[in-house]
PDB file of N, CA and C in Angstrom:
ATOM      1  N   MET A   1       8.019 -40.178   0.205  1.00  0.00           N
ATOM      2  CA  MET A   1       6.769 -40.428  -0.477  1.00  0.00           C
ATOM      3  C   MET A   1       5.585 -40.213   0.468  1.00  0.00           C
ATOM      4  N   LYS A   2       5.772 -40.584   1.734  1.00  0.00           N
ATOM      5  CA  LYS A   2       4.714 -40.413   2.718  1.00  0.00           C
ATOM      6  C   LYS A   2       4.374 -38.934   2.890  1.00  0.00           C
ATOM      7  N   LYS A   3       5.396 -38.066   2.875  1.00  0.00           N
ATOM      8  CA  LYS A   3       5.165 -36.632   3.030  1.00  0.00           C
ATOM      9  C   LYS A   3       4.388 -36.074   1.847  1.00  0.00           C
ATOM     10  N   ILE A   4       4.723 -36.514   0.651  1.00  0.00           N
ATOM     11  CA  ILE A   4       4.030 -36.030  -0.540  1.00  0.00           C
ATOM     12  C   ILE A   4       2.579 -36.476  -0.519  1.00  0.00           C
ATOM     13  N   SER A   5       2.312 -37.712  -0.126  1.00  0.00           N
ATOM     14  CA  SER A   5       0.933 -38.186  -0.088  1.00  0.00           C
ATOM     15  C   SER A   5       0.141 -37.451   0.989  1.00  0.00           C
ATOM     16  N   PHE A   6       0.769 -37.120   2.112  1.00  0.00           N
ATOM     17  CA  PHE A   6       0.089 -36.352   3.151  1.00  0.00           C
ATOM     18  C   PHE A   6      -0.295 -34.979   2.623  1.00  0.00           C
ATOM     19  N   ILE A   7       0.641 -34.302   1.955  1.00  0.00           N
ATOM     20  CA  ILE A   7       0.352 -32.973   1.414  1.00  0.00           C
ATOM     21  C   ILE A   7      -0.758 -33.062   0.381  1.00  0.00           C
ATOM     22  N   SER A   8      -0.704 -34.042  -0.499  1.00  0.00           N
ATOM     23  CA  SER A   8      -1.740 -34.203  -1.518  1.00  0.00           C
ATOM     24  C   SER A   8      -3.101 -34.448  -0.877  1.00  0.00           C
ATOM     25  N   ALA A   9      -3.147 -35.346   0.085  1.00  0.00           N
ATOM     26  CA  ALA A   9      -4.415 -35.655   0.747  1.00  0.00           C
ATOM     27  C   ALA A   9      -4.947 -34.442   1.489  1.00  0.00           C
ATOM     28  N   PHE A  10      -4.072 -33.727   2.161  1.00  0.00           N
ATOM     29  CA  PHE A  10      -4.521 -32.558   2.908  1.00  0.00           C
ATOM     30  C   PHE A  10      -5.030 -31.476   1.970  1.00  0.00           C
ATOM     31  N   CYS A  11      -4.315 -31.238   0.873  1.00  0.00           N
ATOM     32  CA  CYS A  11      -4.740 -30.219  -0.091  1.00  0.00           C
ATOM     33  C   CYS A  11      -6.104 -30.568  -0.676  1.00  0.00           C
ATOM     34  N   ILE A  12      -6.344 -31.843  -0.928  1.00  0.00           N
ATOM     35  CA  ILE A  12      -7.652 -32.266  -1.443  1.00  0.00           C
ATOM     36  C   ILE A  12      -8.728 -31.990  -0.402  1.00  0.00           C
ATOM     37  N   LEU A  13      -8.441 -32.264   0.868  1.00  0.00           N
ATOM     38  CA  LEU A  13      -9.417 -31.998   1.926  1.00  0.00           C
ATOM     39  C   LEU A  13      -9.705 -30.507   2.049  1.00  0.00           C
ATOM     40  N   VAL A  14      -8.673 -29.687   2.002  1.00  0.00           N
ATOM     41  CA  VAL A  14      -8.860 -28.235   2.085  1.00  0.00           C
ATOM     42  C   VAL A  14      -9.668 -27.761   0.885  1.00  0.00           C
ATOM     43  N   PHE A  15      -9.320 -28.241  -0.304  1.00  0.00           N
ATOM     44  CA  PHE A  15     -10.026 -27.864  -1.511  1.00  0.00           C
ATOM     45  C   PHE A  15     -11.498 -28.263  -1.414  1.00  0.00           C
ATOM     46  N   ALA A  16     -11.767 -29.493  -0.950  1.00  0.00           N
ATOM     47  CA  ALA A  16     -13.138 -29.970  -0.847  1.00  0.00           C
ATOM     48  C   ALA A  16     -13.924 -29.163   0.177  1.00  0.00           C
ATOM     49  N   GLN A  17     -13.281 -28.820   1.283  1.00  0.00           N
ATOM     50  CA  GLN A  17     -13.964 -28.069   2.327  1.00  0.00           C
ATOM     51  C   GLN A  17     -14.280 -26.653   1.887  1.00  0.00           C
ATOM     52  N   LEU A  18     -13.407 -26.035   1.110  1.00  0.00           N
ATOM     53  CA  LEU A  18     -13.572 -24.635   0.751  1.00  0.00           C
ATOM     54  C   LEU A  18     -14.260 -24.412  -0.588  1.00  0.00           C
ATOM     55  N   SER A  19     -14.524 -25.466  -1.323  1.00  0.00           N
ATOM     56  CA  SER A  19     -15.152 -25.277  -2.632  1.00  0.00           C
ATOM     57  C   SER A  19     -16.665 -25.287  -2.499  1.00  0.00           C
ATOM     58  N   THR A  20     -17.301 -24.545  -3.387  1.00  0.00           N
ATOM     59  CA  THR A  20     -18.758 -24.508  -3.447  1.00  0.00           C
ATOM     60  C   THR A  20     -19.154 -24.706  -4.896  1.00  0.00           C
ATOM     61  N   ALA A  21     -20.443 -24.785  -5.136  1.00  0.00           N
ATOM     62  CA  ALA A  21     -20.917 -24.974  -6.504  1.00  0.00           C
ATOM     63  C   ALA A  21     -20.619 -23.757  -7.370  1.00  0.00           C
ATOM     64  N   SER A  22     -20.567 -22.576  -6.775  1.00  0.00           N
ATOM     65  CA  SER A  22     -20.398 -21.366  -7.575  1.00  0.00           C
ATOM     66  C   SER A  22     -18.968 -20.840  -7.600  1.00  0.00           C
ATOM     67  N   ALA A  23     -18.154 -21.175  -6.626  1.00  0.00           N
ATOM     68  CA  ALA A  23     -16.799 -20.616  -6.594  1.00  0.00           C
ATOM     69  C   ALA A  23     -15.852 -21.573  -5.867  1.00  0.00           C
ATOM     70  N   THR A  24     -14.580 -21.475  -6.230  1.00  0.00           N
ATOM     71  CA  THR A  24     -13.548 -22.270  -5.584  1.00  0.00           C
ATOM     72  C   THR A  24     -12.506 -21.333  -5.014  1.00  0.00           C
ATOM     73  N   THR A  25     -12.088 -21.596  -3.791  1.00  0.00           N
ATOM     74  CA  THR A  25     -11.068 -20.785  -3.140  1.00  0.00           C
ATOM     75  C   THR A  25      -9.770 -21.577  -3.083  1.00  0.00           C
ATOM     76  N   PHE A  26      -8.708 -21.017  -3.610  1.00  0.00           N
ATOM     77  CA  PHE A  26      -7.405 -21.652  -3.538  1.00  0.00           C
ATOM     78  C   PHE A  26      -6.601 -20.986  -2.439  1.00  0.00           C
ATOM     79  N   ILE A  27      -5.916 -21.799  -1.653  1.00  0.00           N
ATOM     80  CA  ILE A  27      -5.115 -21.282  -0.554  1.00  0.00           C
ATOM     81  C   ILE A  27      -3.674 -21.726  -0.773  1.00  0.00           C
ATOM     82  N   LYS A  28      -2.757 -20.786  -0.693  1.00  0.00           N
ATOM     83  CA  LYS A  28      -1.341 -21.107  -0.813  1.00  0.00           C
ATOM     84  C   LYS A  28      -0.846 -21.670   0.508  1.00  0.00           C
ATOM     85  N   GLY A  29       0.195 -22.485   0.441  1.00  0.00           N
ATOM     86  CA  GLY A  29       0.741 -23.068   1.649  1.00  0.00           C
ATOM     87  C   GLY A  29       2.210 -23.402   1.493  1.00  0.00           C
ATOM     88  N   TYR A  30       2.785 -23.826   2.595  1.00  0.00           N
ATOM     89  CA  TYR A  30       4.198 -24.186   2.637  1.00  0.00           C
ATOM     90  C   TYR A  30       4.356 -25.276   3.690  1.00  0.00           C
ATOM     91  N   ALA A  31       5.270 -26.202   3.459  1.00  0.00           N
ATOM     92  CA  ALA A  31       5.488 -27.304   4.396  1.00  0.00           C
ATOM     93  C   ALA A  31       6.721 -27.056   5.249  1.00  0.00           C
ATOM     94  N   CYS A  32       6.631 -27.448   6.514  1.00  0.00           N
ATOM     95  CA  CYS A  32       7.787 -27.414   7.410  1.00  0.00           C
ATOM     96  C   CYS A  32       7.919 -28.796   8.034  1.00  0.00           C
ATOM     97  N   ASP A  33       8.999 -29.009   8.734  1.00  0.00           N
ATOM     98  CA  ASP A  33       9.227 -30.296   9.381  1.00  0.00           C
ATOM     99  C   ASP A  33       9.450 -30.052  10.867  1.00  0.00           C
ATOM    100  N   ASN A  34       8.401 -30.265  11.674  1.00  0.00           N
ATOM    101  CA  ASN A  34       8.457 -30.097  13.118  1.00  0.00           C
ATOM    102  C   ASN A  34       8.677 -28.641  13.525  1.00  0.00           C
ATOM    103  N   CYS A  35       7.779 -27.750  13.069  1.00  0.00           N
ATOM    104  CA  CYS A  35       7.897 -26.329  13.410  1.00  0.00           C
ATOM    105  C   CYS A  35       6.867 -25.946  14.470  1.00  0.00           C
ATOM    106  N   SER A  36       7.208 -24.945  15.247  1.00  0.00           N
ATOM    107  CA  SER A  36       6.303 -24.425  16.271  1.00  0.00           C
ATOM    108  C   SER A  36       5.365 -23.398  15.627  1.00  0.00           C
ATOM    109  N   LEU A  37       4.391 -22.930  16.399  1.00  0.00           N
ATOM    110  CA  LEU A  37       3.490 -21.887  15.909  1.00  0.00           C
ATOM    111  C   LEU A  37       4.282 -20.637  15.528  1.00  0.00           C
ATOM    112  N   GLN A  38       5.246 -20.242  16.343  1.00  0.00           N
ATOM    113  CA  GLN A  38       6.047 -19.050  16.051  1.00  0.00           C
ATOM    114  C   GLN A  38       6.880 -19.241  14.789  1.00  0.00           C
ATOM    115  N   GLN A  39       7.467 -20.419  14.629  1.00  0.00           N
ATOM    116  CA  GLN A  39       8.232 -20.689  13.410  1.00  0.00           C
ATOM    117  C   GLN A  39       7.315 -20.693  12.191  1.00  0.00           C
ATOM    118  N   ALA A  40       6.117 -21.260  12.347  1.00  0.00           N
ATOM    119  CA  ALA A  40       5.149 -21.266  11.243  1.00  0.00           C
ATOM    120  C   ALA A  40       4.755 -19.846  10.870  1.00  0.00           C
ATOM    121  N   GLU A  41       4.555 -18.999  11.869  1.00  0.00           N
ATOM    122  CA  GLU A  41       4.200 -17.603  11.576  1.00  0.00           C
ATOM    123  C   GLU A  41       5.344 -16.883  10.866  1.00  0.00           C
ATOM    124  N   ASN A  42       6.568 -17.156  11.272  1.00  0.00           N
ATOM    125  CA  ASN A  42       7.722 -16.545  10.587  1.00  0.00           C
ATOM    126  C   ASN A  42       7.787 -16.992   9.129  1.00  0.00           C
ATOM    127  N   ILE A  43       7.503 -18.255   8.871  1.00  0.00           N
ATOM    128  CA  ILE A  43       7.485 -18.752   7.491  1.00  0.00           C
ATOM    129  C   ILE A  43       6.368 -18.070   6.712  1.00  0.00           C
ATOM    130  N   ALA A  44       5.193 -17.968   7.322  1.00  0.00           N
ATOM    131  CA  ALA A  44       4.063 -17.314   6.652  1.00  0.00           C
ATOM    132  C   ALA A  44       4.390 -15.858   6.327  1.00  0.00           C
ATOM    133  N   ARG A  45       5.077 -15.183   7.225  1.00  0.00           N
ATOM    134  CA  ARG A  45       5.414 -13.771   6.993  1.00  0.00           C
ATOM    135  C   ARG A  45       6.443 -13.613   5.871  1.00  0.00           C
ATOM    136  N   THR A  46       7.325 -14.595   5.691  1.00  0.00           N
ATOM    137  CA  THR A  46       8.329 -14.473   4.636  1.00  0.00           C
ATOM    138  C   THR A  46       7.839 -15.028   3.301  1.00  0.00           C
ATOM    139  N   ARG A  47       6.889 -15.956   3.318  1.00  0.00           N
ATOM    140  CA  ARG A  47       6.461 -16.593   2.068  1.00  0.00           C
ATOM    141  C   ARG A  47       5.008 -16.342   1.695  1.00  0.00           C
ATOM    142  N   GLY A  48       4.213 -15.798   2.591  1.00  0.00           N
ATOM    143  CA  GLY A  48       2.774 -15.697   2.333  1.00  0.00           C
ATOM    144  C   GLY A  48       2.205 -14.307   2.245  1.00  0.00           C
ATOM    145  N   ALA A  49       3.039 -13.311   2.049  1.00  0.00           N
ATOM    146  CA  ALA A  49       2.535 -11.940   1.964  1.00  0.00           C
ATOM    147  C   ALA A  49       1.657 -11.775   0.724  1.00  0.00           C
ATOM    148  N   PRO A  50       0.515 -11.107   0.855  1.00  0.00           N
ATOM    149  CA  PRO A  50      -0.325 -10.852  -0.316  1.00  0.00           C
ATOM    150  C   PRO A  50       0.404  -9.965  -1.328  1.00  0.00           C
ATOM    151  N   LEU A  51       0.079 -10.158  -2.591  1.00  0.00           N
ATOM    152  CA  LEU A  51       0.661  -9.316  -3.634  1.00  0.00           C
ATOM    153  C   LEU A  51       0.183  -7.883  -3.462  1.00  0.00           C
ATOM    154  N   VAL A  52       1.064  -6.955  -3.724  1.00  0.00           N
ATOM    155  CA  VAL A  52       0.761  -5.526  -3.595  1.00  0.00           C
ATOM    156  C   VAL A  52       0.601  -4.935  -4.987  1.00  0.00           C
ATOM    157  N   ASN A  53      -0.446  -4.150  -5.160  1.00  0.00           N
ATOM    158  CA  ASN A  53      -0.704  -3.461  -6.414  1.00  0.00           C
ATOM    159  C   ASN A  53      -0.647  -1.961  -6.148  1.00  0.00           C
ATOM    160  N   CYS A  54       0.237  -1.262  -6.859  1.00  0.00           N
ATOM    161  CA  CYS A  54       0.385   0.179  -6.677  1.00  0.00           C
ATOM    162  C   CYS A  54      -0.116   0.908  -7.922  1.00  0.00           C
ATOM    163  N   VAL A  55      -0.755   2.036  -7.692  1.00  0.00           N
ATOM    164  CA  VAL A  55      -1.284   2.854  -8.785  1.00  0.00           C
ATOM    165  C   VAL A  55      -0.803   4.292  -8.602  1.00  0.00           C
ATOM    166  N   PRO A  56      -0.663   5.037  -9.722  1.00  0.00           N
ATOM    167  CA  PRO A  56      -0.245   6.435  -9.598  1.00  0.00           C
ATOM    168  C   PRO A  56      -1.367   7.273  -8.982  1.00  0.00           C
ATOM    169  N   THR A  57      -0.982   8.320  -8.280  1.00  0.00           N
ATOM    170  CA  THR A  57      -1.952   9.250  -7.705  1.00  0.00           C
ATOM    171  C   THR A  57      -1.755  10.625  -8.334  1.00  0.00           C
ATOM    172  N   GLY A  58      -2.666  11.519  -8.044  1.00  0.00           N
ATOM    173  CA  GLY A  58      -2.584  12.849  -8.643  1.00  0.00           C
ATOM    174  C   GLY A  58      -2.944  12.755 -10.116  1.00  0.00           C
ATOM    175  N   ASN A  59      -2.306  13.559 -10.915  1.00  0.00           N
ATOM    176  CA  ASN A  59      -2.564  13.564 -12.356  1.00  0.00           C
ATOM    177  C   ASN A  59      -1.509  12.792 -13.126  1.00  0.00           C
ATOM    178  N   ASN A  60      -0.833  11.887 -12.476  1.00  0.00           N
ATOM    179  CA  ASN A  60       0.249  11.145 -13.112  1.00  0.00           C
ATOM    180  C   ASN A  60      -0.269   9.878 -13.782  1.00  0.00           C
ATOM    181  N   ASP A  61       0.382   9.502 -14.880  1.00  0.00           N
ATOM    182  CA  ASP A  61       0.096   8.237 -15.533  1.00  0.00           C
ATOM    183  C   ASP A  61       1.123   7.182 -15.155  1.00  0.00           C
ATOM    184  N   VAL A  62       2.195   7.618 -14.506  1.00  0.00           N
ATOM    185  CA  VAL A  62       3.288   6.737 -14.146  1.00  0.00           C
ATOM    186  C   VAL A  62       3.474   6.784 -12.627  1.00  0.00           C
ATOM    187  N   ILE A  63       3.766   5.635 -12.042  1.00  0.00           N
ATOM    188  CA  ILE A  63       4.015   5.585 -10.600  1.00  0.00           C
ATOM    189  C   ILE A  63       5.354   6.250 -10.313  1.00  0.00           C
ATOM    190  N   SER A  64       5.361   7.170  -9.373  1.00  0.00           N
ATOM    191  CA  SER A  64       6.613   7.802  -8.950  1.00  0.00           C
ATOM    192  C   SER A  64       6.833   7.508  -7.473  1.00  0.00           C
ATOM    193  N   ILE A  65       8.016   7.814  -6.995  1.00  0.00           N
ATOM    194  CA  ILE A  65       8.346   7.555  -5.586  1.00  0.00           C
ATOM    195  C   ILE A  65       7.414   8.322  -4.658  1.00  0.00           C
ATOM    196  N   ASP A  66       7.082   9.556  -5.027  1.00  0.00           N
ATOM    197  CA  ASP A  66       6.295  10.411  -4.142  1.00  0.00           C
ATOM    198  C   ASP A  66       4.789  10.299  -4.342  1.00  0.00           C
ATOM    199  N   GLU A  67       4.355   9.856  -5.513  1.00  0.00           N
ATOM    200  CA  GLU A  67       2.925   9.876  -5.802  1.00  0.00           C
ATOM    201  C   GLU A  67       2.424   8.516  -6.289  1.00  0.00           C
ATOM    202  N   HIS A  68       2.103   7.671  -5.323  1.00  0.00           N
ATOM    203  CA  HIS A  68       1.488   6.387  -5.626  1.00  0.00           C
ATOM    204  C   HIS A  68       0.737   5.889  -4.395  1.00  0.00           C
ATOM    205  N   ALA A  69      -0.221   5.021  -4.643  1.00  0.00           N
ATOM    206  CA  ALA A  69      -0.999   4.400  -3.571  1.00  0.00           C
ATOM    207  C   ALA A  69      -0.981   2.896  -3.802  1.00  0.00           C
ATOM    208  N   CYS A  70      -0.792   2.134  -2.724  1.00  0.00           N
ATOM    209  CA  CYS A  70      -0.672   0.681  -2.852  1.00  0.00           C
ATOM    210  C   CYS A  70      -1.765  -0.027  -2.052  1.00  0.00           C
ATOM    211  N   TYR A  71      -2.204  -1.154  -2.610  1.00  0.00           N
ATOM    212  CA  TYR A  71      -3.285  -1.934  -2.019  1.00  0.00           C
ATOM    213  C   TYR A  71      -2.957  -3.419  -2.126  1.00  0.00           C
ATOM    214  N   SER A  72      -3.545  -4.206  -1.257  1.00  0.00           N
ATOM    215  CA  SER A  72      -3.465  -5.663  -1.352  1.00  0.00           C
ATOM    216  C   SER A  72      -4.766  -6.247  -0.828  1.00  0.00           C
ATOM    217  N   SER A  73      -5.026  -7.480  -1.202  1.00  0.00           N
ATOM    218  CA  SER A  73      -6.221  -8.175  -0.723  1.00  0.00           C
ATOM    219  C   SER A  73      -5.806  -9.221   0.300  1.00  0.00           C
ATOM    220  N   PRO A  74      -6.519  -9.292   1.429  1.00  0.00           N
ATOM    221  CA  PRO A  74      -6.191 -10.316   2.426  1.00  0.00           C
ATOM    222  C   PRO A  74      -6.299 -11.717   1.820  1.00  0.00           C
ATOM    223  N   GLN A  75      -5.467 -12.620   2.302  1.00  0.00           N
ATOM    224  CA  GLN A  75      -5.505 -14.002   1.832  1.00  0.00           C
ATOM    225  C   GLN A  75      -5.080 -14.930   2.946  1.00  0.00           C
ATOM    226  N   LYS A  76      -5.555 -16.161   2.852  1.00  0.00           N
ATOM    227  CA  LYS A  76      -5.132 -17.181   3.812  1.00  0.00           C
ATOM    228  C   LYS A  76      -3.861 -17.840   3.301  1.00  0.00           C
ATOM    229  N   PHE A  77      -3.028 -18.261   4.227  1.00  0.00           N
ATOM    230  CA  PHE A  77      -1.785 -18.971   3.921  1.00  0.00           C
ATOM    231  C   PHE A  77      -1.631 -20.041   4.991  1.00  0.00           C
ATOM    232  N   ILE A  78      -1.380 -21.279   4.581  1.00  0.00           N
ATOM    233  CA  ILE A  78      -1.331 -22.403   5.522  1.00  0.00           C
ATOM    234  C   ILE A  78       0.070 -22.989   5.572  1.00  0.00           C
ATOM    235  N   ILE A  79       0.544 -23.229   6.781  1.00  0.00           N
ATOM    236  CA  ILE A  79       1.797 -23.951   6.991  1.00  0.00           C
ATOM    237  C   ILE A  79       1.425 -25.377   7.390  1.00  0.00           C
ATOM    238  N   PHE A  80       1.984 -26.361   6.688  1.00  0.00           N
ATOM    239  CA  PHE A  80       1.756 -27.771   6.985  1.00  0.00           C
ATOM    240  C   PHE A  80       2.981 -28.317   7.709  1.00  0.00           C
ATOM    241  N   ASP A  81       2.802 -28.791   8.930  1.00  0.00           N
ATOM    242  CA  ASP A  81       3.900 -29.429   9.657  1.00  0.00           C
ATOM    243  C   ASP A  81       3.865 -30.918   9.354  1.00  0.00           C
ATOM    244  N   LEU A  82       4.838 -31.380   8.584  1.00  0.00           N
ATOM    245  CA  LEU A  82       4.859 -32.770   8.138  1.00  0.00           C
ATOM    246  C   LEU A  82       5.176 -33.751   9.256  1.00  0.00           C
ATOM    247  N   ALA A  83       5.929 -33.315  10.253  1.00  0.00           N
ATOM    248  CA  ALA A  83       6.322 -34.217  11.337  1.00  0.00           C
ATOM    249  C   ALA A  83       5.166 -34.500  12.295  1.00  0.00           C
ATOM    250  N   THR A  84       4.326 -33.495  12.525  1.00  0.00           N
ATOM    251  CA  THR A  84       3.254 -33.645  13.514  1.00  0.00           C
ATOM    252  C   THR A  84       1.857 -33.663  12.892  1.00  0.00           C
ATOM    253  N   ASN A  85       1.779 -33.537  11.559  1.00  0.00           N
ATOM    254  CA  ASN A  85       0.488 -33.465  10.854  1.00  0.00           C
ATOM    255  C   ASN A  85      -0.381 -32.331  11.384  1.00  0.00           C
ATOM    256  N   THR A  86       0.251 -31.213  11.683  1.00  0.00           N
ATOM    257  CA  THR A  86      -0.438 -30.033  12.193  1.00  0.00           C
ATOM    258  C   THR A  86      -0.516 -28.987  11.092  1.00  0.00           C
ATOM    259  N   THR A  87      -1.625 -28.267  11.063  1.00  0.00           N
ATOM    260  CA  THR A  87      -1.745 -27.149  10.131  1.00  0.00           C
ATOM    261  C   THR A  87      -1.819 -25.853  10.921  1.00  0.00           C
ATOM    262  N   TYR A  88      -1.191 -24.838  10.375  1.00  0.00           N
ATOM    263  CA  TYR A  88      -1.215 -23.504  10.962  1.00  0.00           C
ATOM    264  C   TYR A  88      -1.738 -22.534   9.907  1.00  0.00           C
ATOM    265  N   PRO A  89      -3.048 -22.254   9.901  1.00  0.00           N
ATOM    266  CA  PRO A  89      -3.578 -21.298   8.934  1.00  0.00           C
ATOM    267  C   PRO A  89      -3.456 -19.860   9.458  1.00  0.00           C
ATOM    268  N   PHE A  90      -3.086 -18.963   8.552  1.00  0.00           N
ATOM    269  CA  PHE A  90      -2.948 -17.547   8.894  1.00  0.00           C
ATOM    270  C   PHE A  90      -3.716 -16.694   7.896  1.00  0.00           C
ATOM    271  N   GLN A  91      -4.284 -15.612   8.377  1.00  0.00           N
ATOM    272  CA  GLN A  91      -4.877 -14.596   7.509  1.00  0.00           C
ATOM    273  C   GLN A  91      -3.801 -13.535   7.313  1.00  0.00           C
ATOM    274  N   MET A  92      -3.325 -13.407   6.080  1.00  0.00           N
ATOM    275  CA  MET A  92      -2.258 -12.460   5.763  1.00  0.00           C
ATOM    276  C   MET A  92      -2.883 -11.204   5.151  1.00  0.00           C
ATOM    277  N   SER A  93      -2.455 -10.031   5.614  1.00  0.00           N
ATOM    278  CA  SER A  93      -2.997  -8.773   5.099  1.00  0.00           C
ATOM    279  C   SER A  93      -1.985  -7.659   5.329  1.00  0.00           C
ATOM    280  N   HIS A  94      -2.287  -6.502   4.786  1.00  0.00           N
ATOM    281  CA  HIS A  94      -1.466  -5.315   5.005  1.00  0.00           C
ATOM    282  C   HIS A  94      -2.302  -4.224   5.655  1.00  0.00           C
ATOM    283  N   SER A  95      -1.721  -3.514   6.604  1.00  0.00           N
ATOM    284  CA  SER A  95      -2.318  -2.295   7.159  1.00  0.00           C
ATOM    285  C   SER A  95      -1.849  -1.114   6.320  1.00  0.00           C
ATOM    286  N   ASN A  96      -2.508   0.003   6.460  1.00  0.00           N
ATOM    287  CA  ASN A  96      -2.175   1.251   5.764  1.00  0.00           C
ATOM    288  C   ASN A  96      -2.454   1.176   4.270  1.00  0.00           C
ATOM    289  N   GLN A  97      -3.574   0.534   3.903  1.00  0.00           N
ATOM    290  CA  GLN A  97      -3.975   0.470   2.499  1.00  0.00           C
ATOM    291  C   GLN A  97      -4.088   1.885   1.932  1.00  0.00           C
ATOM    292  N   GLY A  98      -3.627   2.058   0.695  1.00  0.00           N
ATOM    293  CA  GLY A  98      -3.700   3.357   0.032  1.00  0.00           C
ATOM    294  C   GLY A  98      -2.478   4.229   0.261  1.00  0.00           C
ATOM    295  N   SER A  99      -1.528   3.745   1.036  1.00  0.00           N
ATOM    296  CA  SER A  99      -0.301   4.507   1.262  1.00  0.00           C
ATOM    297  C   SER A  99       0.796   3.974   0.333  1.00  0.00           C
ATOM    298  N   SER A 100       2.000   4.489   0.489  1.00  0.00           N
ATOM    299  CA  SER A 100       3.112   4.023  -0.347  1.00  0.00           C
ATOM    300  C   SER A 100       3.501   2.596   0.049  1.00  0.00           C
ATOM    301  N   ASN A 101       4.196   1.913  -0.859  1.00  0.00           N
ATOM    302  CA  ASN A 101       4.520   0.511  -0.601  1.00  0.00           C
ATOM    303  C   ASN A 101       5.385   0.325   0.637  1.00  0.00           C
ATOM    304  N   TRP A 102       6.245   1.251   0.974  1.00  0.00           N
ATOM    305  CA  TRP A 102       7.091   1.073   2.161  1.00  0.00           C
ATOM    306  C   TRP A 102       6.344   1.406   3.451  1.00  0.00           C
ATOM    307  N   ASP A 103       5.129   1.956   3.344  1.00  0.00           N
ATOM    308  CA  ASP A 103       4.321   2.222   4.534  1.00  0.00           C
ATOM    309  C   ASP A 103       3.328   1.103   4.843  1.00  0.00           C
ATOM    310  N   LEU A 104       3.196   0.137   3.930  1.00  0.00           N
ATOM    311  CA  LEU A 104       2.319  -1.002   4.204  1.00  0.00           C
ATOM    312  C   LEU A 104       2.944  -1.869   5.294  1.00  0.00           C
ATOM    313  N   ILE A 105       2.120  -2.321   6.210  1.00  0.00           N
ATOM    314  CA  ILE A 105       2.588  -3.165   7.314  1.00  0.00           C
ATOM    315  C   ILE A 105       1.963  -4.543   7.164  1.00  0.00           C
ATOM    316  N   LEU A 106       2.797  -5.578   7.097  1.00  0.00           N
ATOM    317  CA  LEU A 106       2.313  -6.951   6.937  1.00  0.00           C
ATOM    318  C   LEU A 106       1.756  -7.465   8.259  1.00  0.00           C
ATOM    319  N   ASN A 107       0.552  -8.019   8.203  1.00  0.00           N
ATOM    320  CA  ASN A 107      -0.099  -8.621   9.367  1.00  0.00           C
ATOM    321  C   ASN A 107      -0.279 -10.109   9.127  1.00  0.00           C
ATOM    322  N   SER A 108      -0.032 -10.907  10.142  1.00  0.00           N
ATOM    323  CA  SER A 108      -0.280 -12.350  10.071  1.00  0.00           C
ATOM    324  C   SER A 108      -1.069 -12.748  11.306  1.00  0.00           C
ATOM    325  N   ASN A 109      -2.315 -13.134  11.092  1.00  0.00           N
ATOM    326  CA  ASN A 109      -3.191 -13.486  12.202  1.00  0.00           C
ATOM    327  C   ASN A 109      -3.620 -14.942  12.095  1.00  0.00           C
ATOM    328  N   PRO A 110      -3.420 -15.724  13.156  1.00  0.00           N
ATOM    329  CA  PRO A 110      -3.908 -17.104  13.122  1.00  0.00           C
ATOM    330  C   PRO A 110      -5.409 -17.119  12.843  1.00  0.00           C
ATOM    331  N   THR A 111      -5.854 -18.077  12.045  1.00  0.00           N
ATOM    332  CA  THR A 111      -7.269 -18.148  11.657  1.00  0.00           C
ATOM    333  C   THR A 111      -7.689 -19.614  11.563  1.00  0.00           C
ATOM    334  N   THR A 112      -8.843 -19.862  11.010  1.00  0.00           N
ATOM    335  CA  THR A 112      -9.339 -21.221  10.799  1.00  0.00           C
ATOM    336  C   THR A 112      -9.459 -21.489   9.308  1.00  0.00           C
ATOM    337  N   LEU A 113      -9.763 -22.718   8.938  1.00  0.00           N
ATOM    338  CA  LEU A 113      -9.890 -23.090   7.537  1.00  0.00           C
ATOM    339  C   LEU A 113     -11.303 -22.976   7.018  1.00  0.00           C
ATOM    340  N   THR A 114     -12.218 -22.433   7.798  1.00  0.00           N
ATOM    341  CA  THR A 114     -13.582 -22.249   7.315  1.00  0.00           C
ATOM    342  C   THR A 114     -13.642 -20.979   6.480  1.00  0.00           C
ATOM    343  N   LYS A 115     -14.742 -20.839   5.766  1.00  0.00           N
ATOM    344  CA  LYS A 115     -14.872 -19.675   4.880  1.00  0.00           C
ATOM    345  C   LYS A 115     -14.925 -18.389   5.629  1.00  0.00           C
TER     346      LYS A 115
END
């Protein structure tokens, strides 16, 4: 129960810090139990990748293996360490925007919780 209340309280704090009168930013997260920065980054890389949207290229109406371009939008992803009350925020993004989905490279960069 203590872990659930910590997550709830922390999420409220993050929400309050990142919300404005005109827009609200939601950040996805995941909880670990006594993880290091490297372990947190590995979790972020497996669970926090931005969604990829692919579109057909050329004169095609359908995405094919050879003719498509893929894009994603950067997003923050937070790992909550329940044992140490530590947060590990990461900026998740893909390199090689506009290329095929298998050419996108996932990037995870430590960041802060400010806008």
